[in-house]
Amino acid sequence: MKNAQLMSLGDMTVYSPGVLVQHVEKIADPETACPVELIEFRLDPFAVSTPHSHPSHEIWRITSGHGRVITDDGELVVTAGDLVFLQPDRTHHLENCGSDVLSALSISWKEAR
């Protein structure tokens, strides 16, 4: 069955103190390319991710906890269930404002030219 395939996650790695990420490693069929990058990440209570930017569009689905998305033009309060769209090439980071783990799924892609 090639129209639906299982994907696997790699090992959980430390991105910065209190921030763990897990990338999608592969699709079952090695000839199938995934057009997006998928990452699951979590921030320990009161942890802050490292500010960064990249040339990809990104959507975060906040799956647990609450915090703030901080960008060059302000901040956005987020909680479990929220979807956040991030523009490419803009500095951003996430801050966990609570005593529970903040976790999210990130989907990013580069716009086709």
N, C-alpha and C. Protein backbone atom coordinates (compact mmCIF):
# COMPACT_ATOMS: atom_id res chain seq x y z
N MET A 1 0.85 -1.17 0.00
CA MET A 1 0.00 0.00 0.00
C MET A 1 0.90 1.23 0.00
N LYS A 2 0.85 2.03 -1.08
CA LYS A 2 1.70 3.21 -1.18
C LYS A 2 0.93 4.51 -0.98
N ASN A 3 -0.41 4.46 -0.99
CA ASN A 3 -1.18 5.69 -0.82
C ASN A 3 -1.28 6.10 0.64
N ALA A 4 -0.99 5.19 1.56
CA ALA A 4 -0.91 5.50 2.99
C ALA A 4 0.29 4.74 3.53
N GLN A 5 1.20 5.47 4.17
CA GLN A 5 2.42 4.84 4.66
C GLN A 5 2.73 5.28 6.08
N LEU A 6 3.33 4.39 6.83
CA LEU A 6 3.78 4.74 8.17
C LEU A 6 5.06 5.54 8.08
N MET A 7 5.22 6.47 9.01
CA MET A 7 6.44 7.25 9.12
C MET A 7 7.03 6.95 10.49
N SER A 8 8.32 7.15 10.65
CA SER A 8 8.93 6.88 11.96
C SER A 8 9.63 8.13 12.47
N LEU A 9 9.64 8.25 13.79
CA LEU A 9 10.32 9.36 14.44
C LEU A 9 11.71 8.94 14.88
N GLY A 10 12.65 9.87 14.82
CA GLY A 10 14.00 9.61 15.29
C GLY A 10 14.07 9.75 16.80
N ASP A 11 15.27 9.69 17.32
CA ASP A 11 15.47 9.83 18.76
C ASP A 11 15.15 11.24 19.21
N MET A 12 14.71 11.36 20.45
CA MET A 12 14.48 12.66 21.07
C MET A 12 15.86 13.25 21.38
N THR A 13 16.11 14.49 20.93
CA THR A 13 17.40 15.12 21.17
C THR A 13 17.21 16.46 21.88
N VAL A 14 18.25 16.90 22.57
CA VAL A 14 18.21 18.19 23.26
C VAL A 14 18.53 19.28 22.26
N TYR A 15 17.62 20.23 22.11
CA TYR A 15 17.81 21.38 21.21
C TYR A 15 18.47 22.52 21.97
N SER A 16 17.99 22.78 23.16
CA SER A 16 18.58 23.75 24.08
C SER A 16 18.11 23.33 25.47
N PRO A 17 18.66 23.89 26.54
CA PRO A 17 18.26 23.43 27.88
C PRO A 17 16.75 23.46 28.09
N GLY A 18 16.20 22.30 28.43
CA GLY A 18 14.76 22.18 28.67
C GLY A 18 13.93 22.01 27.43
N VAL A 19 14.57 21.96 26.24
CA VAL A 19 13.85 21.85 24.98
C VAL A 19 14.29 20.58 24.25
N LEU A 20 13.35 19.67 24.03
CA LEU A 20 13.62 18.42 23.33
C LEU A 20 12.90 18.40 21.99
N VAL A 21 13.56 17.89 20.95
CA VAL A 21 12.94 17.79 19.63
C VAL A 21 13.06 16.37 19.11
N GLN A 22 12.13 16.01 18.25
CA GLN A 22 12.12 14.69 17.63
C GLN A 22 11.68 14.88 16.18
N HIS A 23 12.59 14.60 15.23
CA HIS A 23 12.32 14.76 13.80
C HIS A 23 11.72 13.48 13.22
N VAL A 24 10.90 13.65 12.19
CA VAL A 24 10.45 12.49 11.42
C VAL A 24 11.65 12.03 10.60
N GLU A 25 11.99 10.77 10.74
CA GLU A 25 13.18 10.23 10.09
C GLU A 25 12.93 9.71 8.69
N LYS A 26 11.84 8.98 8.50
CA LYS A 26 11.65 8.37 7.18
C LYS A 26 10.21 7.94 6.97
N ILE A 27 9.92 7.72 5.71
CA ILE A 27 8.65 7.14 5.28
C ILE A 27 8.95 5.69 4.92
N ALA A 28 7.99 4.79 5.08
CA ALA A 28 8.21 3.36 4.84
C ALA A 28 8.78 3.09 3.45
N ASP A 29 8.30 3.77 2.42
CA ASP A 29 8.78 3.59 1.05
C ASP A 29 9.91 4.59 0.80
N PRO A 30 11.17 4.12 0.64
CA PRO A 30 12.29 5.05 0.48
C PRO A 30 12.22 5.90 -0.78
N GLU A 31 11.37 5.54 -1.75
CA GLU A 31 11.25 6.32 -2.98
C GLU A 31 10.26 7.47 -2.84
N THR A 32 9.56 7.55 -1.71
CA THR A 32 8.59 8.61 -1.49
C THR A 32 9.23 9.74 -0.70
N ALA A 33 9.12 10.95 -1.22
CA ALA A 33 9.67 12.12 -0.54
C ALA A 33 8.55 12.83 0.21
N CYS A 34 8.85 13.30 1.40
CA CYS A 34 7.88 14.06 2.19
C CYS A 34 8.13 15.55 1.90
N PRO A 35 7.11 16.30 1.44
CA PRO A 35 7.31 17.70 1.06
C PRO A 35 7.39 18.67 2.24
N VAL A 36 7.26 18.17 3.45
CA VAL A 36 7.32 19.03 4.64
C VAL A 36 8.25 18.41 5.67
N GLU A 37 8.73 19.23 6.59
CA GLU A 37 9.51 18.73 7.72
C GLU A 37 8.58 18.70 8.93
N LEU A 38 8.56 17.58 9.62
CA LEU A 38 7.72 17.41 10.80
C LEU A 38 8.62 17.26 12.01
N ILE A 39 8.31 18.01 13.07
CA ILE A 39 9.08 17.93 14.30
C ILE A 39 8.10 17.95 15.46
N GLU A 40 8.30 17.09 16.42
CA GLU A 40 7.60 17.20 17.69
C GLU A 40 8.58 17.79 18.68
N PHE A 41 8.13 18.73 19.49
CA PHE A 41 9.04 19.27 20.50
C PHE A 41 8.31 19.53 21.79
N ARG A 42 9.08 19.63 22.85
CA ARG A 42 8.52 19.91 24.18
C ARG A 42 9.46 20.82 24.94
N LEU A 43 8.86 21.67 25.74
CA LEU A 43 9.62 22.56 26.62
C LEU A 43 9.25 22.21 28.05
N ASP A 44 10.25 22.00 28.86
CA ASP A 44 10.03 21.76 30.28
C ASP A 44 9.39 23.00 30.91
N PRO A 45 8.81 22.84 32.08
CA PRO A 45 8.22 23.99 32.76
C PRO A 45 9.19 25.17 32.84
N PHE A 46 8.71 26.33 32.43
CA PHE A 46 9.42 27.61 32.48
C PHE A 46 10.66 27.66 31.57
N ALA A 47 10.82 26.69 30.66
CA ALA A 47 11.95 26.71 29.72
C ALA A 47 11.65 27.66 28.56
N VAL A 48 12.72 28.11 27.91
CA VAL A 48 12.62 29.02 26.77
C VAL A 48 13.47 28.45 25.63
N SER A 49 12.90 28.35 24.43
CA SER A 49 13.68 27.86 23.30
C SER A 49 14.63 28.95 22.81
N THR A 50 15.61 28.57 22.04
CA THR A 50 16.60 29.49 21.50
C THR A 50 15.99 30.29 20.34
N PRO A 51 16.09 31.61 20.36
CA PRO A 51 15.59 32.39 19.22
C PRO A 51 16.31 31.97 17.94
N HIS A 52 15.55 31.83 16.85
CA HIS A 52 16.13 31.41 15.59
C HIS A 52 15.21 31.85 14.44
N SER A 53 15.71 31.73 13.23
CA SER A 53 14.91 31.96 12.03
C SER A 53 15.34 30.94 10.99
N HIS A 54 14.51 30.75 9.98
CA HIS A 54 14.83 29.81 8.90
C HIS A 54 14.01 30.21 7.68
N PRO A 55 14.39 29.73 6.51
CA PRO A 55 13.71 30.14 5.27
C PRO A 55 12.39 29.40 5.02
N SER A 56 11.88 28.70 6.00
CA SER A 56 10.65 27.91 5.83
C SER A 56 9.47 28.57 6.53
N HIS A 57 8.29 28.37 5.94
CA HIS A 57 7.04 28.67 6.64
C HIS A 57 6.88 27.59 7.70
N GLU A 58 6.16 27.90 8.78
CA GLU A 58 6.02 26.91 9.85
C GLU A 58 4.66 27.06 10.51
N ILE A 59 4.07 25.93 10.86
CA ILE A 59 2.85 25.90 11.66
C ILE A 59 3.13 25.07 12.89
N TRP A 60 2.78 25.61 14.05
CA TRP A 60 2.86 24.85 15.30
C TRP A 60 1.46 24.52 15.76
N ARG A 61 1.23 23.29 16.13
CA ARG A 61 0.00 22.85 16.79
C ARG A 61 0.39 22.62 18.24
N ILE A 62 -0.07 23.48 19.15
CA ILE A 62 0.26 23.34 20.57
C ILE A 62 -0.59 22.19 21.11
N THR A 63 0.06 21.14 21.60
CA THR A 63 -0.66 19.94 22.03
C THR A 63 -0.83 19.84 23.54
N SER A 64 -0.03 20.57 24.31
CA SER A 64 -0.23 20.61 25.76
C SER A 64 0.46 21.84 26.33
N GLY A 65 -0.03 22.28 27.47
CA GLY A 65 0.59 23.39 28.17
C GLY A 65 0.16 24.75 27.64
N HIS A 66 0.87 25.78 28.09
CA HIS A 66 0.62 27.14 27.62
C HIS A 66 1.90 27.97 27.73
N GLY A 67 1.97 29.00 26.91
CA GLY A 67 3.15 29.84 26.91
C GLY A 67 3.00 31.02 26.00
N ARG A 68 4.15 31.50 25.49
CA ARG A 68 4.17 32.66 24.60
C ARG A 68 5.08 32.40 23.42
N VAL A 69 4.62 32.76 22.22
CA VAL A 69 5.45 32.79 21.02
C VAL A 69 5.96 34.22 20.93
N ILE A 70 7.27 34.38 20.83
CA ILE A 70 7.86 35.71 20.80
C ILE A 70 8.56 35.90 19.46
N THR A 71 8.20 36.98 18.77
CA THR A 71 8.78 37.31 17.47
C THR A 71 9.32 38.73 17.52
N ASP A 72 9.92 39.17 16.42
CA ASP A 72 10.46 40.52 16.34
C ASP A 72 9.39 41.59 16.53
N ASP A 73 8.13 41.27 16.23
CA ASP A 73 7.09 42.30 16.32
C ASP A 73 6.11 42.09 17.46
N GLY A 74 6.49 41.28 18.45
CA GLY A 74 5.64 41.15 19.62
C GLY A 74 5.55 39.72 20.14
N GLU A 75 4.49 39.47 20.90
CA GLU A 75 4.31 38.14 21.47
C GLU A 75 2.86 37.71 21.35
N LEU A 76 2.66 36.40 21.35
CA LEU A 76 1.34 35.80 21.19
C LEU A 76 1.17 34.75 22.28
N VAL A 77 0.14 34.87 23.09
CA VAL A 77 -0.15 33.88 24.13
C VAL A 77 -0.78 32.66 23.47
N VAL A 78 -0.26 31.46 23.81
CA VAL A 78 -0.78 30.22 23.22
C VAL A 78 -1.10 29.20 24.30
N THR A 79 -2.03 28.32 23.99
CA THR A 79 -2.40 27.25 24.90
C THR A 79 -2.75 26.01 24.08
N ALA A 80 -2.86 24.87 24.74
CA ALA A 80 -3.16 23.61 24.05
C ALA A 80 -4.35 23.78 23.12
N GLY A 81 -4.20 23.29 21.89
CA GLY A 81 -5.24 23.39 20.88
C GLY A 81 -5.02 24.50 19.88
N ASP A 82 -4.14 25.46 20.20
CA ASP A 82 -3.89 26.57 19.28
C ASP A 82 -3.03 26.14 18.10
N LEU A 83 -3.25 26.80 16.97
CA LEU A 83 -2.41 26.69 15.78
C LEU A 83 -1.72 28.03 15.59
N VAL A 84 -0.43 28.00 15.34
CA VAL A 84 0.36 29.22 15.16
C VAL A 84 1.04 29.16 13.80
N PHE A 85 0.87 30.20 12.97
CA PHE A 85 1.56 30.30 11.70
C PHE A 85 2.73 31.24 11.85
N LEU A 86 3.92 30.82 11.41
CA LEU A 86 5.14 31.63 11.50
C LEU A 86 5.67 31.91 10.09
N GLN A 87 5.95 33.17 9.83
CA GLN A 87 6.49 33.59 8.53
C GLN A 87 7.95 33.15 8.41
N PRO A 88 8.43 32.90 7.19
CA PRO A 88 9.84 32.54 7.01
C PRO A 88 10.76 33.73 7.26
N ASP A 89 12.00 33.41 7.61
CA ASP A 89 13.07 34.40 7.80
C ASP A 89 12.75 35.45 8.85
N ARG A 90 11.94 35.10 9.84
CA ARG A 90 11.63 35.98 10.96
C ARG A 90 12.07 35.29 12.25
N THR A 91 12.76 36.00 13.11
CA THR A 91 13.23 35.42 14.37
C THR A 91 12.04 35.12 15.27
N HIS A 92 12.05 33.94 15.88
CA HIS A 92 10.97 33.53 16.79
C HIS A 92 11.50 32.54 17.82
N HIS A 93 10.79 32.46 18.94
CA HIS A 93 11.07 31.43 19.94
C HIS A 93 9.83 31.24 20.80
N LEU A 94 9.86 30.22 21.63
CA LEU A 94 8.71 29.84 22.44
C LEU A 94 9.13 29.79 23.90
N GLU A 95 8.26 30.29 24.76
CA GLU A 95 8.51 30.31 26.20
C GLU A 95 7.38 29.56 26.90
N ASN A 96 7.73 28.58 27.73
CA ASN A 96 6.74 27.87 28.54
C ASN A 96 6.49 28.70 29.79
N CYS A 97 5.25 29.16 29.96
CA CYS A 97 4.92 30.04 31.10
C CYS A 97 4.29 29.28 32.26
N GLY A 98 4.25 27.95 32.18
CA GLY A 98 3.55 27.21 33.22
C GLY A 98 4.40 26.13 33.86
N SER A 99 3.79 25.44 34.82
CA SER A 99 4.47 24.37 35.55
C SER A 99 4.27 23.00 34.91
N ASP A 100 3.60 22.95 33.74
CA ASP A 100 3.43 21.71 32.98
C ASP A 100 4.28 21.78 31.72
N VAL A 101 4.57 20.63 31.15
CA VAL A 101 5.31 20.58 29.88
C VAL A 101 4.46 21.23 28.79
N LEU A 102 5.10 22.06 27.96
CA LEU A 102 4.46 22.61 26.77
C LEU A 102 4.97 21.79 25.60
N SER A 103 4.06 21.18 24.85
CA SER A 103 4.49 20.37 23.71
C SER A 103 3.77 20.83 22.45
N ALA A 104 4.40 20.56 21.32
CA ALA A 104 3.84 21.01 20.04
C ALA A 104 4.33 20.13 18.90
N LEU A 105 3.59 20.16 17.83
CA LEU A 105 3.97 19.54 16.56
C LEU A 105 4.25 20.67 15.60
N SER A 106 5.39 20.64 14.95
CA SER A 106 5.79 21.66 13.98
C SER A 106 5.78 21.06 12.59
N ILE A 107 5.15 21.76 11.66
CA ILE A 107 5.17 21.39 10.24
C ILE A 107 5.76 22.57 9.51
N SER A 108 6.83 22.35 8.74
CA SER A 108 7.44 23.47 8.02
C SER A 108 7.71 23.06 6.57
N TRP A 109 7.74 24.07 5.70
CA TRP A 109 7.95 23.82 4.30
C TRP A 109 8.52 25.08 3.65
N LYS A 110 9.27 24.89 2.59
CA LYS A 110 9.76 26.00 1.80
C LYS A 110 8.80 26.17 0.64
N GLU A 111 8.44 27.41 0.38
CA GLU A 111 7.49 27.69 -0.69
C GLU A 111 8.11 27.33 -2.03
N ALA A 112 7.34 26.64 -2.85
CA ALA A 112 7.80 26.27 -4.18
C ALA A 112 7.92 27.54 -5.02
N ARG A 113 8.95 27.65 -5.78
CA ARG A 113 9.17 28.84 -6.62
C ARG A 113 8.86 28.53 -8.06
